[in-house]
Amino acid sequence: MAILDSSAAWHGAQRMVRANRDMLVAVAGVFFLLPELIGAVVLPVPQLTKGMDQQQMADAVLRFYSATGPLLIVLSLPLVLGFLTLLAILIDPDRPTVGTAIVQAARLLPGYMLAQMIIAVALTMLWITAIAGLSLVLPQPAAVAASLVLMVYPLVRVVLIGPEMVARRLRNPIRAIAGALTLTRGKFTALLLFFGPALALFVVVYALVSIGAALALANLANEETRRLIGEAVGAVLLAVGHTYFAAMVASTWHQLGPVDGADTAISPFTPR
């Protein structure tokens, strides 16, 4: 059974990014940065004002997502397509060009989205069941918090669905989910200790940079200008985060998948 070496996986992700930097920057700019910038311009801002109580703020946020739901879905599609494109660039044994990787990702997109829908439905049912069971022995707020912690396990177990689809040319979402579950069996703790600190670090960096940008822009008189510049800074950080996440997923699959099993002689660290 393959064992995940978190340190090696992180260094592998860094080597992947360095070796394919130009291609990754191009993909990230088109599929991550641009949709984020478009969303900052066209999406309305939730109407939250001082003096609102918790219920009023919840209602305002619910109205925001109800009104912008279809547009949010449309803007999310390039992000998913870009993620699959990056995986194709990093782990496809045929070493595709950017154009070929985009075409391949587009072919896999329906199956990948269907896999995510299946997972979302399954996790929702599991979450409701967990809340109902925990509510029998815990107060409602504690039961909800505990159920959210429990949801981390299945989310981590399916993190390799994308690489499975890309590397094995799988369009069947069930086979992709089954493959990801097989690769991550017995490796939950190692995966959590790899992705968890990286996510925490990104959140801290994002928050610090956002605060710094807000302080630097505090003297601008136009509030909308401040908002758009702040959104642009956030979009750049998210594009970098998406890119490194894809590299981390690819490097993890490289360790747990067939590459280290000598099924392929292609190295993901070789530049195009």
Protein backbone atom coordinates (compact mmCIF):
# COMPACT_ATOMS: atom_id res chain seq x y z
CA MET A 1 0.00 0.00 0.00
CA ALA A 2 1.36 3.43 -0.95
CA ILE A 3 2.08 5.78 1.96
CA LEU A 4 1.62 9.54 1.72
CA ASP A 5 4.75 11.50 2.63
CA SER A 6 3.43 15.01 3.31
CA SER A 7 6.83 16.65 3.05
CA ALA A 8 7.60 14.95 -0.25
CA ALA A 9 4.12 15.78 -1.56
CA TRP A 10 4.59 19.48 -0.73
CA HIS A 11 8.03 19.65 -2.32
CA GLY A 12 6.62 17.78 -5.30
CA ALA A 13 3.84 20.35 -5.66
CA GLN A 14 6.41 23.16 -5.55
CA ARG A 15 8.52 21.47 -8.24
CA MET A 16 5.44 21.00 -10.41
CA VAL A 17 4.61 24.70 -10.17
CA ARG A 18 8.18 25.78 -10.92
CA ALA A 19 8.59 23.37 -13.81
CA ASN A 20 5.33 24.42 -15.50
CA ARG A 21 5.12 28.01 -14.25
CA ASP A 22 4.34 29.73 -17.55
CA MET A 23 1.53 27.34 -18.47
CA LEU A 24 0.04 27.45 -14.97
CA VAL A 25 0.09 31.25 -14.88
CA ALA A 26 -1.75 31.40 -18.21
CA VAL A 27 -4.43 28.93 -17.09
CA ALA A 28 -4.82 30.56 -13.68
CA GLY A 29 -5.19 33.99 -15.24
CA VAL A 30 -7.96 32.92 -17.60
CA PHE A 31 -9.89 30.42 -15.48
CA PHE A 32 -9.33 31.70 -11.91
CA LEU A 33 -8.40 35.37 -11.91
CA LEU A 34 -10.69 36.59 -14.70
CA PRO A 35 -13.93 35.01 -13.35
CA GLU A 36 -13.16 36.39 -9.89
CA LEU A 37 -12.69 39.89 -11.34
CA ILE A 38 -15.87 39.60 -13.40
CA GLY A 39 -17.76 38.47 -10.31
CA ALA A 40 -16.46 41.46 -8.36
CA VAL A 41 -17.81 43.81 -11.02
CA VAL A 42 -21.16 42.24 -11.92
CA LEU A 43 -22.27 40.64 -8.66
CA PRO A 44 -24.21 42.88 -6.27
CA VAL A 45 -23.04 43.35 -2.71
CA PRO A 46 -25.21 41.83 0.08
CA GLN A 47 -27.19 44.63 1.70
CA LEU A 48 -25.86 44.45 5.25
CA THR A 49 -26.26 47.58 7.36
CA LYS A 50 -25.43 48.57 10.92
CA GLY A 51 -28.12 47.74 13.42
CA MET A 52 -29.19 44.50 11.77
CA ASP A 53 -29.75 41.60 14.11
CA GLN A 54 -28.61 38.06 13.30
CA GLN A 55 -31.88 37.06 11.66
CA GLN A 56 -31.95 40.16 9.44
CA MET A 57 -28.39 39.53 8.30
CA ALA A 58 -29.24 35.90 7.55
CA ASP A 59 -32.26 37.00 5.52
CA ALA A 60 -30.13 39.52 3.58
CA VAL A 61 -27.53 36.89 2.74
CA LEU A 62 -30.27 34.43 1.72
CA ARG A 63 -31.81 37.04 -0.60
CA PHE A 64 -28.37 37.70 -2.09
CA TYR A 65 -27.75 34.05 -2.95
CA SER A 66 -31.31 33.57 -4.19
CA ALA A 67 -30.90 36.48 -6.59
CA THR A 68 -27.37 35.67 -7.76
CA GLY A 69 -27.46 31.86 -7.63
CA PRO A 70 -27.58 31.25 -11.43
CA LEU A 71 -24.77 33.76 -12.06
CA LEU A 72 -22.65 32.22 -9.30
CA ILE A 73 -23.06 28.80 -10.94
CA VAL A 74 -22.00 30.21 -14.32
CA LEU A 75 -18.95 31.90 -12.80
CA SER A 76 -18.00 28.69 -10.97
CA LEU A 77 -17.77 26.64 -14.18
CA PRO A 78 -14.50 28.28 -15.35
CA LEU A 79 -13.00 27.56 -11.93
CA VAL A 80 -13.81 23.86 -12.22
CA LEU A 81 -12.64 23.75 -15.84
CA GLY A 82 -9.41 25.48 -14.86
CA PHE A 83 -8.83 23.01 -12.03
CA LEU A 84 -9.22 20.05 -14.38
CA THR A 85 -7.00 21.78 -16.95
CA LEU A 86 -4.22 22.23 -14.40
CA LEU A 87 -4.49 18.57 -13.43
CA ALA A 88 -4.25 17.56 -17.08
CA ILE A 89 -1.11 19.66 -17.49
CA LEU A 90 0.48 18.26 -14.34
CA ILE A 91 -0.33 14.55 -14.42
CA ASP A 92 -1.52 13.53 -17.88
CA PRO A 93 1.05 11.01 -19.21
CA ASP A 94 0.55 12.34 -22.76
CA ARG A 95 1.99 15.74 -21.72
CA PRO A 96 -0.70 17.86 -23.40
CA THR A 97 -0.35 21.47 -24.48
CA VAL A 98 -2.57 24.06 -22.82
CA GLY A 99 -5.10 23.85 -25.66
CA THR A 100 -5.22 20.06 -25.54
CA ALA A 101 -5.52 20.13 -21.74
CA ILE A 102 -8.48 22.52 -21.96
CA VAL A 103 -10.24 20.26 -24.48
CA GLN A 104 -9.63 17.22 -22.31
CA ALA A 105 -10.89 19.07 -19.23
CA ALA A 106 -14.03 20.16 -21.08
CA ARG A 107 -14.77 16.53 -21.98
CA LEU A 108 -14.43 15.50 -18.34
CA LEU A 109 -16.35 18.49 -16.95
CA PRO A 110 -19.89 16.97 -17.12
CA GLY A 111 -18.78 13.79 -15.34
CA TYR A 112 -16.84 15.75 -12.73
CA MET A 113 -19.80 18.04 -12.03
CA LEU A 114 -22.08 15.02 -11.74
CA ALA A 115 -19.64 13.43 -9.30
CA GLN A 116 -19.70 16.60 -7.20
CA MET A 117 -23.51 16.62 -7.25
CA ILE A 118 -23.60 12.98 -6.10
CA ILE A 119 -21.17 13.79 -3.30
CA ALA A 120 -23.15 16.90 -2.30
CA VAL A 121 -26.41 14.94 -2.06
CA ALA A 122 -24.75 12.11 -0.12
CA LEU A 123 -23.03 14.50 2.28
CA THR A 124 -26.25 16.47 2.83
CA MET A 125 -28.12 13.32 3.77
CA LEU A 126 -25.24 12.21 6.00
CA TRP A 127 -25.07 15.63 7.66
CA ILE A 128 -28.80 15.68 8.40
CA THR A 129 -28.57 12.17 9.84
CA ALA A 130 -25.55 13.16 11.95
CA ILE A 131 -27.32 16.23 13.34
CA ALA A 132 -30.41 14.19 14.18
CA GLY A 133 -28.34 11.57 15.99
CA LEU A 134 -26.09 14.01 17.85
CA SER A 135 -29.07 16.16 18.87
CA LEU A 136 -30.25 13.26 21.04
CA VAL A 137 -27.23 13.62 23.32
CA LEU A 138 -25.99 17.21 22.70
CA PRO A 139 -27.51 20.70 22.64
CA GLN A 140 -28.50 21.82 19.16
CA PRO A 141 -25.57 24.24 18.57
CA ALA A 142 -23.07 21.65 19.78
CA ALA A 143 -24.69 18.96 17.63
CA VAL A 144 -24.39 21.16 14.51
CA ALA A 145 -20.73 21.96 15.27
CA ALA A 146 -19.89 18.31 15.89
CA SER A 147 -21.66 17.23 12.71
CA LEU A 148 -19.60 19.72 10.68
CA VAL A 149 -16.41 18.24 12.12
CA LEU A 150 -17.59 14.77 11.14
CA MET A 151 -18.10 15.95 7.55
CA VAL A 152 -14.35 16.55 7.21
CA TYR A 153 -13.74 12.81 6.90
CA PRO A 154 -15.80 12.15 3.73
CA LEU A 155 -14.61 15.42 2.15
CA VAL A 156 -10.98 14.39 2.56
CA ARG A 157 -11.66 10.90 1.23
CA VAL A 158 -12.88 12.23 -2.14
CA VAL A 159 -10.15 14.83 -2.70
CA LEU A 160 -8.54 12.76 -5.49
CA ILE A 161 -11.60 12.49 -7.77
CA GLY A 162 -10.17 15.05 -10.20
CA PRO A 163 -6.81 13.30 -10.73
CA GLU A 164 -8.54 9.95 -11.08
CA MET A 165 -10.74 11.30 -13.88
CA VAL A 166 -7.91 13.09 -15.65
CA ALA A 167 -5.22 10.41 -15.44
CA ARG A 168 -7.51 7.48 -16.23
CA ARG A 169 -9.75 9.34 -18.73
CA LEU A 170 -12.79 8.50 -16.59
CA ARG A 171 -16.10 10.10 -17.51
CA ASN A 172 -18.09 7.84 -15.25
CA PRO A 173 -18.52 9.70 -11.92
CA ILE A 174 -19.17 6.51 -9.94
CA ARG A 175 -15.89 4.95 -11.09
CA ALA A 176 -14.05 8.18 -10.28
CA ILE A 177 -15.53 8.32 -6.76
CA ALA A 178 -14.74 4.64 -6.20
CA GLY A 179 -11.16 5.16 -7.41
CA ALA A 180 -10.65 8.14 -5.09
CA LEU A 181 -12.03 6.21 -2.12
CA THR A 182 -9.69 3.32 -2.92
CA LEU A 183 -6.60 5.54 -3.12
CA THR A 184 -7.39 7.36 0.14
CA ARG A 185 -8.35 4.28 2.17
CA GLY A 186 -6.39 4.29 5.43
CA LYS A 187 -4.78 7.66 4.64
CA PHE A 188 -7.27 10.12 6.14
CA THR A 189 -4.93 11.35 8.87
CA ALA A 190 -2.01 11.86 6.49
CA LEU A 191 -4.21 13.70 4.00
CA LEU A 192 -5.73 15.88 6.71
CA LEU A 193 -2.30 16.78 8.06
CA PHE A 194 -1.19 17.69 4.53
CA PHE A 195 -4.13 19.74 3.30
CA GLY A 196 -5.32 21.10 6.67
CA PRO A 197 -2.26 23.21 7.57
CA ALA A 198 -1.96 24.44 3.98
CA LEU A 199 -5.58 25.61 4.05
CA ALA A 200 -5.09 27.26 7.44
CA LEU A 201 -1.96 29.04 6.20
CA PHE A 202 -3.78 30.30 3.11
CA VAL A 203 -6.66 31.64 5.23
CA VAL A 204 -4.20 33.49 7.49
CA VAL A 205 -2.26 34.97 4.56
CA TYR A 206 -5.50 35.94 2.78
CA ALA A 207 -6.79 37.67 5.90
CA LEU A 208 -3.52 39.53 6.55
CA VAL A 209 -3.18 40.70 2.95
CA SER A 210 -6.84 41.76 2.86
CA ILE A 211 -6.41 43.77 6.06
CA GLY A 212 -3.22 45.33 4.72
CA ALA A 213 -4.92 46.24 1.44
CA ALA A 214 -7.87 47.76 3.31
CA LEU A 215 -5.53 49.91 5.42
CA ALA A 216 -3.54 51.00 2.36
CA LEU A 217 -6.72 51.99 0.53
CA ALA A 218 -8.36 53.70 3.50
CA ASN A 219 -7.54 57.18 2.16
CA LEU A 220 -9.40 56.63 -1.11
CA ALA A 221 -12.60 58.65 -1.06
CA ASN A 222 -14.58 56.45 -3.45
CA GLU A 223 -15.93 53.44 -1.55
CA GLU A 224 -16.66 51.48 -4.75
CA THR A 225 -13.07 51.96 -5.95
CA ARG A 226 -11.79 50.65 -2.63
CA ARG A 227 -14.07 47.64 -2.92
CA LEU A 228 -13.00 46.80 -6.48
CA ILE A 229 -9.28 47.11 -5.72
CA GLY A 230 -9.73 44.96 -2.64
CA GLU A 231 -11.63 42.38 -4.70
CA ALA A 232 -8.82 42.39 -7.29
CA VAL A 233 -6.22 41.71 -4.60
CA GLY A 234 -8.38 38.90 -3.26
CA ALA A 235 -8.81 37.48 -6.76
CA VAL A 236 -5.04 37.29 -7.27
CA LEU A 237 -4.62 35.47 -3.95
CA LEU A 238 -7.40 33.03 -4.81
CA ALA A 239 -5.85 32.34 -8.23
CA VAL A 240 -2.54 31.51 -6.55
CA GLY A 241 -4.36 29.39 -3.98
CA HIS A 242 -6.28 27.44 -6.64
CA THR A 243 -3.06 26.79 -8.56
CA TYR A 244 -1.17 25.46 -5.56
CA PHE A 245 -4.17 23.38 -4.47
CA ALA A 246 -4.25 21.72 -7.89
CA ALA A 247 -0.49 21.07 -7.65
CA MET A 248 -0.91 19.61 -4.15
CA VAL A 249 -3.69 17.32 -5.35
CA ALA A 250 -1.60 16.26 -8.36
CA SER A 251 1.44 15.60 -6.18
CA THR A 252 -0.67 13.58 -3.75
CA TRP A 253 -2.06 11.48 -6.59
CA HIS A 254 1.48 11.09 -7.90
CA GLN A 255 2.39 9.37 -4.63
CA LEU A 256 -0.76 7.32 -4.15
CA GLY A 257 -1.62 6.63 -7.79
CA PRO A 258 0.11 4.54 -10.46
CA VAL A 259 3.08 6.84 -11.11
CA ASP A 260 5.12 5.63 -8.16
CA GLY A 261 3.98 2.12 -9.01
CA ALA A 262 6.01 2.39 -12.25
CA ASP A 263 2.91 2.25 -14.44
CA THR A 264 4.25 5.29 -16.27
CA ALA A 265 7.71 6.69 -16.84
CA ILE A 266 6.48 10.27 -17.24
CA SER A 267 7.56 12.63 -14.49
CA PRO A 268 5.15 15.44 -13.56
CA PHE A 269 8.13 17.65 -12.75
CA THR A 270 9.38 17.81 -16.34
CA PRO A 271 8.60 21.20 -17.96
CA ARG A 272 6.58 21.23 -21.17
